[in-house]
Amino acid sequence: MIFGNLLLLSLAVASISITITKSNAMAWFRKSISKLGSLVEELVHCPYCLSHWLAAIGVVTWFKGSVCELIVLIMATVTLASLASLGIVYFFLALEALEEGSEE
């Protein structure tokens, strides 16, 4: 049961971090948040960095356990989210390549 929840949380973290850091729809958010300082600016432009914070918030909110268990779950969530992020990016790159190939 815990692995299924961890997988779902990882997919959510990956999706949210990519949406916030890379999508055109969130450009206004990145621009307004960047005014808070360089650390926050880096956070909203780096999906890997943001996924650490989102994973920590999600794990602490969703799971109960010792501090060591929470740290392990946070790192597992970040790792799974990173893999999911790569999968999402490569999926859209493949779609883009297919569209370019069909236009020729």
PDB file of N, CA and C in Angstrom:
ATOM      1  N   MET A   1       0.820  -1.203   0.000  1.00  0.00           N
ATOM      2  CA  MET A   1       0.000   0.000   0.000  1.00  0.00           C
ATOM      3  C   MET A   1       0.860   1.263   0.000  1.00  0.00           C
ATOM      4  N   ILE A   2       1.916   1.241   0.783  1.00  0.00           N
ATOM      5  CA  ILE A   2       2.750   2.444   0.864  1.00  0.00           C
ATOM      6  C   ILE A   2       3.435   2.721  -0.475  1.00  0.00           C
ATOM      7  N   PHE A   3       3.822   1.655  -1.222  1.00  0.00           N
ATOM      8  CA  PHE A   3       4.491   1.889  -2.497  1.00  0.00           C
ATOM      9  C   PHE A   3       3.541   2.542  -3.494  1.00  0.00           C
ATOM     10  N   GLY A   4       2.285   2.118  -3.516  1.00  0.00           N
ATOM     11  CA  GLY A   4       1.305   2.719  -4.418  1.00  0.00           C
ATOM     12  C   GLY A   4       1.099   4.197  -4.113  1.00  0.00           C
ATOM     13  N   ASN A   5       0.988   4.520  -2.830  1.00  0.00           N
ATOM     14  CA  ASN A   5       0.838   5.927  -2.430  1.00  0.00           C
ATOM     15  C   ASN A   5       2.081   6.729  -2.787  1.00  0.00           C
ATOM     16  N   LEU A   6       3.247   6.121  -2.593  1.00  0.00           N
ATOM     17  CA  LEU A   6       4.501   6.793  -2.919  1.00  0.00           C
ATOM     18  C   LEU A   6       4.603   7.046  -4.417  1.00  0.00           C
ATOM     19  N   LEU A   7       4.174   6.090  -5.200  1.00  0.00           N
ATOM     20  CA  LEU A   7       4.197   6.248  -6.658  1.00  0.00           C
ATOM     21  C   LEU A   7       3.248   7.360  -7.098  1.00  0.00           C
ATOM     22  N   LEU A   8       2.047   7.381  -6.534  1.00  0.00           N
ATOM     23  CA  LEU A   8       1.101   8.451  -6.862  1.00  0.00           C
ATOM     24  C   LEU A   8       1.634   9.819  -6.462  1.00  0.00           C
ATOM     25  N   LEU A   9       2.211   9.908  -5.283  1.00  0.00           N
ATOM     26  CA  LEU A   9       2.791  11.174  -4.830  1.00  0.00           C
ATOM     27  C   LEU A   9       3.934  11.599  -5.750  1.00  0.00           C
ATOM     28  N   SER A  10       4.745  10.654  -6.174  1.00  0.00           N
ATOM     29  CA  SER A  10       5.869  10.962  -7.065  1.00  0.00           C
ATOM     30  C   SER A  10       5.386  11.503  -8.406  1.00  0.00           C
ATOM     31  N   LEU A  11       4.349  10.892  -8.953  1.00  0.00           N
ATOM     32  CA  LEU A  11       3.801  11.382 -10.219  1.00  0.00           C
ATOM     33  C   LEU A  11       3.223  12.787 -10.065  1.00  0.00           C
ATOM     34  N   ALA A  12       2.555  13.022  -8.938  1.00  0.00           N
ATOM     35  CA  ALA A  12       2.007  14.357  -8.686  1.00  0.00           C
ATOM     36  C   ALA A  12       3.126  15.382  -8.541  1.00  0.00           C
ATOM     37  N   VAL A  13       4.178  15.031  -7.809  1.00  0.00           N
ATOM     38  CA  VAL A  13       5.322  15.936  -7.628  1.00  0.00           C
ATOM     39  C   VAL A  13       5.961  16.245  -8.970  1.00  0.00           C
ATOM     40  N   ALA A  14       6.154  15.222  -9.804  1.00  0.00           N
ATOM     41  CA  ALA A  14       6.760  15.431 -11.120  1.00  0.00           C
ATOM     42  C   ALA A  14       5.900  16.360 -11.971  1.00  0.00           C
ATOM     43  N   SER A  15       4.625  16.091 -12.002  1.00  0.00           N
ATOM     44  CA  SER A  15       3.716  16.896 -12.815  1.00  0.00           C
ATOM     45  C   SER A  15       3.664  18.349 -12.343  1.00  0.00           C
ATOM     46  N   ILE A  16       3.546  18.538 -11.042  1.00  0.00           N
ATOM     47  CA  ILE A  16       3.465  19.900 -10.498  1.00  0.00           C
ATOM     48  C   ILE A  16       4.775  20.655 -10.713  1.00  0.00           C
ATOM     49  N   SER A  17       5.904  19.990 -10.483  1.00  0.00           N
ATOM     50  CA  SER A  17       7.188  20.691 -10.624  1.00  0.00           C
ATOM     51  C   SER A  17       7.468  21.078 -12.073  1.00  0.00           C
ATOM     52  N   ILE A  18       7.121  20.215 -13.019  1.00  0.00           N
ATOM     53  CA  ILE A  18       7.310  20.562 -14.434  1.00  0.00           C
ATOM     54  C   ILE A  18       6.358  21.689 -14.833  1.00  0.00           C
ATOM     55  N   THR A  19       5.115  21.594 -14.375  1.00  0.00           N
ATOM     56  CA  THR A  19       4.139  22.631 -14.718  1.00  0.00           C
ATOM     57  C   THR A  19       4.579  23.989 -14.203  1.00  0.00           C
ATOM     58  N   ILE A  20       5.008  24.050 -12.965  1.00  0.00           N
ATOM     59  CA  ILE A  20       5.406  25.338 -12.387  1.00  0.00           C
ATOM     60  C   ILE A  20       6.674  25.876 -13.034  1.00  0.00           C
ATOM     61  N   THR A  21       7.658  25.018 -13.274  1.00  0.00           N
ATOM     62  CA  THR A  21       8.964  25.500 -13.730  1.00  0.00           C
ATOM     63  C   THR A  21       9.108  25.655 -15.241  1.00  0.00           C
ATOM     64  N   LYS A  22       8.270  24.982 -16.016  1.00  0.00           N
ATOM     65  CA  LYS A  22       8.500  24.986 -17.463  1.00  0.00           C
ATOM     66  C   LYS A  22       7.339  25.468 -18.326  1.00  0.00           C
ATOM     67  N   SER A  23       6.119  25.448 -17.808  1.00  0.00           N
ATOM     68  CA  SER A  23       4.982  25.752 -18.686  1.00  0.00           C
ATOM     69  C   SER A  23       4.819  27.252 -18.906  1.00  0.00           C
ATOM     70  N   ASN A  24       4.323  27.583 -20.085  1.00  0.00           N
ATOM     71  CA  ASN A  24       4.044  28.984 -20.407  1.00  0.00           C
ATOM     72  C   ASN A  24       2.927  29.532 -19.534  1.00  0.00           C
ATOM     73  N   ALA A  25       2.000  28.670 -19.150  1.00  0.00           N
ATOM     74  CA  ALA A  25       0.860  29.110 -18.338  1.00  0.00           C
ATOM     75  C   ALA A  25       1.289  29.606 -16.961  1.00  0.00           C
ATOM     76  N   MET A  26       2.434  29.159 -16.477  1.00  0.00           N
ATOM     77  CA  MET A  26       2.905  29.557 -15.152  1.00  0.00           C
ATOM     78  C   MET A  26       4.020  30.600 -15.205  1.00  0.00           C
ATOM     79  N   ALA A  27       4.270  31.173 -16.375  1.00  0.00           N
ATOM     80  CA  ALA A  27       5.323  32.186 -16.504  1.00  0.00           C
ATOM     81  C   ALA A  27       5.055  33.382 -15.600  1.00  0.00           C
ATOM     82  N   TRP A  28       3.812  33.792 -15.487  1.00  0.00           N
ATOM     83  CA  TRP A  28       3.450  34.912 -14.609  1.00  0.00           C
ATOM     84  C   TRP A  28       3.806  34.597 -13.160  1.00  0.00           C
ATOM     85  N   PHE A  29       3.579  33.338 -12.758  1.00  0.00           N
ATOM     86  CA  PHE A  29       3.877  32.929 -11.391  1.00  0.00           C
ATOM     87  C   PHE A  29       5.384  32.959 -11.132  1.00  0.00           C
ATOM     88  N   ARG A  30       6.163  32.406 -12.082  1.00  0.00           N
ATOM     89  CA  ARG A  30       7.631  32.409 -11.931  1.00  0.00           C
ATOM     90  C   ARG A  30       8.166  33.833 -11.865  1.00  0.00           C
ATOM     91  N   LYS A  31       7.610  34.712 -12.701  1.00  0.00           N
ATOM     92  CA  LYS A  31       8.067  36.099 -12.727  1.00  0.00           C
ATOM     93  C   LYS A  31       7.768  36.811 -11.409  1.00  0.00           C
ATOM     94  N   SER A  32       6.576  36.613 -10.878  1.00  0.00           N
ATOM     95  CA  SER A  32       6.217  37.296  -9.626  1.00  0.00           C
ATOM     96  C   SER A  32       6.950  36.695  -8.424  1.00  0.00           C
ATOM     97  N   ILE A  33       7.144  35.397  -8.401  1.00  0.00           N
ATOM     98  CA  ILE A  33       7.850  34.746  -7.291  1.00  0.00           C
ATOM     99  C   ILE A  33       9.340  35.077  -7.320  1.00  0.00           C
ATOM    100  N   SER A  34       9.895  35.243  -8.510  1.00  0.00           N
ATOM    101  CA  SER A  34      11.329  35.528  -8.638  1.00  0.00           C
ATOM    102  C   SER A  34      11.736  36.816  -7.939  1.00  0.00           C
ATOM    103  N   LYS A  35      10.792  37.703  -7.724  1.00  0.00           N
ATOM    104  CA  LYS A  35      11.082  38.979  -7.063  1.00  0.00           C
ATOM    105  C   LYS A  35      11.429  38.796  -5.583  1.00  0.00           C
ATOM    106  N   LEU A  36      11.136  37.616  -5.032  1.00  0.00           N
ATOM    107  CA  LEU A  36      11.395  37.369  -3.611  1.00  0.00           C
ATOM    108  C   LEU A  36      12.864  37.089  -3.298  1.00  0.00           C
ATOM    109  N   GLY A  37      13.668  36.831  -4.312  1.00  0.00           N
ATOM    110  CA  GLY A  37      15.091  36.606  -4.086  1.00  0.00           C
ATOM    111  C   GLY A  37      15.646  35.523  -4.982  1.00  0.00           C
ATOM    112  N   SER A  38      16.964  35.409  -5.008  1.00  0.00           N
ATOM    113  CA  SER A  38      17.627  34.483  -5.928  1.00  0.00           C
ATOM    114  C   SER A  38      17.361  33.018  -5.581  1.00  0.00           C
ATOM    115  N   LEU A  39      17.246  32.698  -4.309  1.00  0.00           N
ATOM    116  CA  LEU A  39      16.980  31.312  -3.911  1.00  0.00           C
ATOM    117  C   LEU A  39      15.604  30.869  -4.397  1.00  0.00           C
ATOM    118  N   VAL A  40      14.617  31.709  -4.223  1.00  0.00           N
ATOM    119  CA  VAL A  40      13.259  31.397  -4.667  1.00  0.00           C
ATOM    120  C   VAL A  40      13.199  31.381  -6.187  1.00  0.00           C
ATOM    121  N   GLU A  41      13.937  32.292  -6.819  1.00  0.00           N
ATOM    122  CA  GLU A  41      13.967  32.325  -8.283  1.00  0.00           C
ATOM    123  C   GLU A  41      14.527  31.015  -8.836  1.00  0.00           C
ATOM    124  N   GLU A  42      15.598  30.528  -8.254  1.00  0.00           N
ATOM    125  CA  GLU A  42      16.170  29.249  -8.694  1.00  0.00           C
ATOM    126  C   GLU A  42      15.170  28.121  -8.467  1.00  0.00           C
ATOM    127  N   LEU A  43      14.466  28.170  -7.353  1.00  0.00           N
ATOM    128  CA  LEU A  43      13.504  27.126  -7.013  1.00  0.00           C
ATOM    129  C   LEU A  43      12.400  27.019  -8.057  1.00  0.00           C
ATOM    130  N   VAL A  44      11.873  28.133  -8.522  1.00  0.00           N
ATOM    131  CA  VAL A  44      10.761  28.087  -9.479  1.00  0.00           C
ATOM    132  C   VAL A  44      11.216  27.908 -10.929  1.00  0.00           C
ATOM    133  N   HIS A  45      12.526  27.834 -11.152  1.00  0.00           N
ATOM    134  CA  HIS A  45      13.033  27.574 -12.498  1.00  0.00           C
ATOM    135  C   HIS A  45      13.703  26.204 -12.624  1.00  0.00           C
ATOM    136  N   CYS A  46      13.808  25.461 -11.533  1.00  0.00           N
ATOM    137  CA  CYS A  46      14.488  24.166 -11.533  1.00  0.00           C
ATOM    138  C   CYS A  46      13.516  23.075 -11.077  1.00  0.00           C
ATOM    139  N   PRO A  47      13.059  22.214 -11.997  1.00  0.00           N
ATOM    140  CA  PRO A  47      12.101  21.183 -11.600  1.00  0.00           C
ATOM    141  C   PRO A  47      12.670  20.216 -10.563  1.00  0.00           C
ATOM    142  N   TYR A  48      13.953  19.943 -10.641  1.00  0.00           N
ATOM    143  CA  TYR A  48      14.585  19.036  -9.677  1.00  0.00           C
ATOM    144  C   TYR A  48      14.586  19.662  -8.284  1.00  0.00           C
ATOM    145  N   CYS A  49      14.944  20.923  -8.196  1.00  0.00           N
ATOM    146  CA  CYS A  49      14.964  21.617  -6.897  1.00  0.00           C
ATOM    147  C   CYS A  49      13.561  21.702  -6.304  1.00  0.00           C
ATOM    148  N   LEU A  50      12.605  22.087  -7.129  1.00  0.00           N
ATOM    149  CA  LEU A  50      11.241  22.225  -6.646  1.00  0.00           C
ATOM    150  C   LEU A  50      10.675  20.879  -6.212  1.00  0.00           C
ATOM    151  N   SER A  51      11.055  19.808  -6.909  1.00  0.00           N
ATOM    152  CA  SER A  51      10.521  18.491  -6.548  1.00  0.00           C
ATOM    153  C   SER A  51      10.953  18.069  -5.141  1.00  0.00           C
ATOM    154  N   HIS A  52      12.146  18.498  -4.693  1.00  0.00           N
ATOM    155  CA  HIS A  52      12.564  18.189  -3.320  1.00  0.00           C
ATOM    156  C   HIS A  52      11.596  18.789  -2.307  1.00  0.00           C
ATOM    157  N   TRP A  53      11.253  20.050  -2.510  1.00  0.00           N
ATOM    158  CA  TRP A  53      10.361  20.725  -1.567  1.00  0.00           C
ATOM    159  C   TRP A  53       8.952  20.161  -1.638  1.00  0.00           C
ATOM    160  N   LEU A  54       8.471  19.910  -2.846  1.00  0.00           N
ATOM    161  CA  LEU A  54       7.136  19.337  -2.986  1.00  0.00           C
ATOM    162  C   LEU A  54       7.068  17.933  -2.386  1.00  0.00           C
ATOM    163  N   ALA A  55       8.121  17.150  -2.598  1.00  0.00           N
ATOM    164  CA  ALA A  55       8.160  15.799  -2.019  1.00  0.00           C
ATOM    165  C   ALA A  55       8.171  15.864  -0.498  1.00  0.00           C
ATOM    166  N   ALA A  56       8.946  16.774   0.045  1.00  0.00           N
ATOM    167  CA  ALA A  56       9.008  16.906   1.506  1.00  0.00           C
ATOM    168  C   ALA A  56       7.640  17.287   2.067  1.00  0.00           C
ATOM    169  N   ILE A  57       6.983  18.243   1.442  1.00  0.00           N
ATOM    170  CA  ILE A  57       5.650  18.664   1.903  1.00  0.00           C
ATOM    171  C   ILE A  57       4.663  17.504   1.787  1.00  0.00           C
ATOM    172  N   GLY A  58       4.691  16.815   0.655  1.00  0.00           N
ATOM    173  CA  GLY A  58       3.767  15.702   0.445  1.00  0.00           C
ATOM    174  C   GLY A  58       3.990  14.554   1.407  1.00  0.00           C
ATOM    175  N   VAL A  59       5.242  14.172   1.618  1.00  0.00           N
ATOM    176  CA  VAL A  59       5.549  13.052   2.510  1.00  0.00           C
ATOM    177  C   VAL A  59       5.184  13.397   3.949  1.00  0.00           C
ATOM    178  N   VAL A  60       5.558  14.573   4.395  1.00  0.00           N
ATOM    179  CA  VAL A  60       5.262  14.968   5.778  1.00  0.00           C
ATOM    180  C   VAL A  60       3.752  15.060   5.995  1.00  0.00           C
ATOM    181  N   THR A  61       3.025  15.503   4.975  1.00  0.00           N
ATOM    182  CA  THR A  61       1.574  15.623   5.089  1.00  0.00           C
ATOM    183  C   THR A  61       0.875  14.268   5.013  1.00  0.00           C
ATOM    184  N   TRP A  62       1.345  13.413   4.107  1.00  0.00           N
ATOM    185  CA  TRP A  62       0.625  12.192   3.779  1.00  0.00           C
ATOM    186  C   TRP A  62       1.005  11.008   4.657  1.00  0.00           C
ATOM    187  N   PHE A  63       2.279  10.871   4.984  1.00  0.00           N
ATOM    188  CA  PHE A  63       2.767   9.690   5.691  1.00  0.00           C
ATOM    189  C   PHE A  63       3.087  10.022   7.145  1.00  0.00           C
ATOM    190  N   LYS A  64       2.917   9.040   7.983  1.00  0.00           N
ATOM    191  CA  LYS A  64       3.275   9.190   9.390  1.00  0.00           C
ATOM    192  C   LYS A  64       4.378   8.181   9.700  1.00  0.00           C
ATOM    193  N   GLY A  65       5.351   8.588  10.489  1.00  0.00           N
ATOM    194  CA  GLY A  65       6.434   7.693  10.852  1.00  0.00           C
ATOM    195  C   GLY A  65       7.544   8.458  11.539  1.00  0.00           C
ATOM    196  N   SER A  66       8.646   7.766  11.736  1.00  0.00           N
ATOM    197  CA  SER A  66       9.797   8.395  12.381  1.00  0.00           C
ATOM    198  C   SER A  66      10.473   9.357  11.403  1.00  0.00           C
ATOM    199  N   VAL A  67      11.358  10.162  11.930  1.00  0.00           N
ATOM    200  CA  VAL A  67      12.087  11.126  11.100  1.00  0.00           C
ATOM    201  C   VAL A  67      12.900  10.393  10.037  1.00  0.00           C
ATOM    202  N   CYS A  68      13.530   9.299  10.398  1.00  0.00           N
ATOM    203  CA  CYS A  68      14.329   8.530   9.431  1.00  0.00           C
ATOM    204  C   CYS A  68      13.452   7.987   8.304  1.00  0.00           C
ATOM    205  N   GLU A  69      12.274   7.475   8.654  1.00  0.00           N
ATOM    206  CA  GLU A  69      11.361   6.974   7.629  1.00  0.00           C
ATOM    207  C   GLU A  69      10.913   8.095   6.699  1.00  0.00           C
ATOM    208  N   LEU A  70      10.637   9.233   7.264  1.00  0.00           N
ATOM    209  CA  LEU A  70      10.203  10.368   6.442  1.00  0.00           C
ATOM    210  C   LEU A  70      11.303  10.815   5.486  1.00  0.00           C
ATOM    211  N   ILE A  71      12.540  10.843   5.957  1.00  0.00           N
ATOM    212  CA  ILE A  71      13.665  11.239   5.095  1.00  0.00           C
ATOM    213  C   ILE A  71      13.826  10.252   3.949  1.00  0.00           C
ATOM    214  N   VAL A  72      13.753   8.967   4.255  1.00  0.00           N
ATOM    215  CA  VAL A  72      13.868   7.941   3.210  1.00  0.00           C
ATOM    216  C   VAL A  72      12.729   8.084   2.202  1.00  0.00           C
ATOM    217  N   LEU A  73      11.523   8.299   2.687  1.00  0.00           N
ATOM    218  CA  LEU A  73      10.382   8.458   1.789  1.00  0.00           C
ATOM    219  C   LEU A  73      10.503   9.724   0.935  1.00  0.00           C
ATOM    220  N   ILE A  74      11.025  10.790   1.509  1.00  0.00           N
ATOM    221  CA  ILE A  74      11.235  12.019   0.733  1.00  0.00           C
ATOM    222  C   ILE A  74      12.228  11.762  -0.399  1.00  0.00           C
ATOM    223  N   MET A  75      13.332  11.113  -0.100  1.00  0.00           N
ATOM    224  CA  MET A  75      14.334  10.845  -1.136  1.00  0.00           C
ATOM    225  C   MET A  75      13.805   9.875  -2.185  1.00  0.00           C
ATOM    226  N   ALA A  76      13.032   8.874  -1.752  1.00  0.00           N
ATOM    227  CA  ALA A  76      12.427   7.949  -2.716  1.00  0.00           C
ATOM    228  C   ALA A  76      11.447   8.683  -3.617  1.00  0.00           C
ATOM    229  N   THR A  77      10.677   9.575  -3.035  1.00  0.00           N
ATOM    230  CA  THR A  77       9.713  10.349  -3.820  1.00  0.00           C
ATOM    231  C   THR A  77      10.421  11.243  -4.825  1.00  0.00           C
ATOM    232  N   VAL A  78      11.497  11.896  -4.405  1.00  0.00           N
ATOM    233  CA  VAL A  78      12.266  12.756  -5.322  1.00  0.00           C
ATOM    234  C   VAL A  78      12.840  11.923  -6.465  1.00  0.00           C
ATOM    235  N   THR A  79      13.380  10.758  -6.145  1.00  0.00           N
ATOM    236  CA  THR A  79      13.966   9.901  -7.185  1.00  0.00           C
ATOM    237  C   THR A  79      12.904   9.445  -8.173  1.00  0.00           C
ATOM    238  N   LEU A  80      11.781   8.957  -7.660  1.00  0.00           N
ATOM    239  CA  LEU A  80      10.700   8.527  -8.550  1.00  0.00           C
ATOM    240  C   LEU A  80      10.139   9.699  -9.352  1.00  0.00           C
ATOM    241  N   ALA A  81      10.037  10.864  -8.722  1.00  0.00           N
ATOM    242  CA  ALA A  81       9.543  12.046  -9.430  1.00  0.00           C
ATOM    243  C   ALA A  81      10.509  12.462 -10.535  1.00  0.00           C
ATOM    244  N   SER A  82      11.802  12.346 -10.279  1.00  0.00           N
ATOM    245  CA  SER A  82      12.794  12.681 -11.312  1.00  0.00           C
ATOM    246  C   SER A  82      12.666  11.746 -12.500  1.00  0.00           C
ATOM    247  N   LEU A  83      12.486  10.459 -12.227  1.00  0.00           N
ATOM    248  CA  LEU A  83      12.303   9.494 -13.314  1.00  0.00           C
ATOM    249  C   LEU A  83      11.004   9.776 -14.072  1.00  0.00           C
ATOM    250  N   ALA A  84       9.951  10.104 -13.344  1.00  0.00           N
ATOM    251  CA  ALA A  84       8.679  10.429 -13.986  1.00  0.00           C
ATOM    252  C   ALA A  84       8.812  11.696 -14.830  1.00  0.00           C
ATOM    253  N   SER A  85       9.555  12.681 -14.327  1.00  0.00           N
ATOM    254  CA  SER A  85       9.772  13.925 -15.079  1.00  0.00           C
ATOM    255  C   SER A  85      10.482  13.641 -16.394  1.00  0.00           C
ATOM    256  N   LEU A  86      11.500  12.806 -16.338  1.00  0.00           N
ATOM    257  CA  LEU A  86      12.212  12.451 -17.569  1.00  0.00           C
ATOM    258  C   LEU A  86      11.274  11.745 -18.545  1.00  0.00           C
ATOM    259  N   GLY A  87      10.452  10.854 -18.025  1.00  0.00           N
ATOM    260  CA  GLY A  87       9.492  10.161 -18.877  1.00  0.00           C
ATOM    261  C   GLY A  87       8.522  11.124 -19.533  1.00  0.00           C
ATOM    262  N   ILE A  88       8.033  12.089 -18.784  1.00  0.00           N
ATOM    263  CA  ILE A  88       7.101  13.080 -19.324  1.00  0.00           C
ATOM    264  C   ILE A  88       7.779  13.909 -20.404  1.00  0.00           C
ATOM    265  N   VAL A  89       8.993  14.362 -20.135  1.00  0.00           N
ATOM    266  CA  VAL A  89       9.721  15.186 -21.109  1.00  0.00           C
ATOM    267  C   VAL A  89       9.990  14.399 -22.381  1.00  0.00           C
ATOM    268  N   TYR A  90      10.479  13.152 -22.257  1.00  0.00           N
ATOM    269  CA  TYR A  90      10.767  12.356 -23.448  1.00  0.00           C
ATOM    270  C   TYR A  90       9.502  11.995 -24.222  1.00  0.00           C
ATOM    271  N   PHE A  91       8.394  11.823 -23.524  1.00  0.00           N
ATOM    272  CA  PHE A  91       7.121  11.559 -24.192  1.00  0.00           C
ATOM    273  C   PHE A  91       6.745  12.737 -25.090  1.00  0.00           C
ATOM    274  N   PHE A  92       6.838  13.953 -24.563  1.00  0.00           N
ATOM    275  CA  PHE A  92       6.473  15.122 -25.360  1.00  0.00           C
ATOM    276  C   PHE A  92       7.499  15.412 -26.454  1.00  0.00           C
ATOM    277  N   LEU A  93       8.758  15.111 -26.205  1.00  0.00           N
ATOM    278  CA  LEU A  93       9.754  15.249 -27.269  1.00  0.00           C
ATOM    279  C   LEU A  93       9.467  14.276 -28.409  1.00  0.00           C
ATOM    280  N   ALA A  94       9.068  13.056 -28.073  1.00  0.00           N
ATOM    281  CA  ALA A  94       8.730  12.072 -29.097  1.00  0.00           C
ATOM    282  C   ALA A  94       7.507  12.519 -29.885  1.00  0.00           C
ATOM    283  N   LEU A  95       6.496  13.067 -29.203  1.00  0.00           N
ATOM    284  CA  LEU A  95       5.320  13.586 -29.904  1.00  0.00           C
ATOM    285  C   LEU A  95       5.693  14.718 -30.853  1.00  0.00           C
ATOM    286  N   GLU A  96       6.568  15.595 -30.389  1.00  0.00           N
ATOM    287  CA  GLU A  96       7.010  16.712 -31.220  1.00  0.00           C
ATOM    288  C   GLU A  96       7.751  16.209 -32.450  1.00  0.00           C
ATOM    289  N   ALA A  97       8.609  15.204 -32.263  1.00  0.00           N
ATOM    290  CA  ALA A  97       9.353  14.639 -33.382  1.00  0.00           C
ATOM    291  C   ALA A  97       8.406  13.975 -34.381  1.00  0.00           C
ATOM    292  N   LEU A  98       7.381  13.313 -33.882  1.00  0.00           N
ATOM    293  CA  LEU A  98       6.398  12.696 -34.774  1.00  0.00           C
ATOM    294  C   LEU A  98       5.636  13.753 -35.567  1.00  0.00           C
ATOM    295  N   GLU A  99       5.288  14.851 -34.919  1.00  0.00           N
ATOM    296  CA  GLU A  99       4.584  15.924 -35.617  1.00  0.00           C
ATOM    297  C   GLU A  99       5.461  16.546 -36.686  1.00  0.00           C
ATOM    298  N   GLU A 100       6.732  16.763 -36.376  1.00  0.00           N
ATOM    299  CA  GLU A 100       7.648  17.337 -37.365  1.00  0.00           C
ATOM    300  C   GLU A 100       7.856  16.384 -38.518  1.00  0.00           C
ATOM    301  N   GLY A 101       7.902  15.088 -38.240  1.00  0.00           N
ATOM    302  CA  GLY A 101       8.077  14.094 -39.298  1.00  0.00           C
ATOM    303  C   GLY A 101       6.868  14.008 -40.212  1.00  0.00           C
ATOM    304  N   SER A 102       5.687  14.196 -39.662  1.00  0.00           N
ATOM    305  CA  SER A 102       4.472  14.096 -40.492  1.00  0.00           C
ATOM    306  C   SER A 102       4.244  15.354 -41.330  1.00  0.00           C
ATOM    307  N   GLU A 103       4.862  16.465 -40.973  1.00  0.00           N
ATOM    308  CA  GLU A 103       4.714  17.717 -41.721  1.00  0.00           C
ATOM    309  C   GLU A 103       5.563  17.714 -42.994  1.00  0.00           C
ATOM    310  N   GLU A 104       6.585  16.891 -43.008  1.00  0.00           N
ATOM    311  CA  GLU A 104       7.509  16.913 -44.155  1.00  0.00           C
ATOM    312  C   GLU A 104       6.965  16.185 -45.346  1.00  0.00           C
TER     313      GLU A 104
END
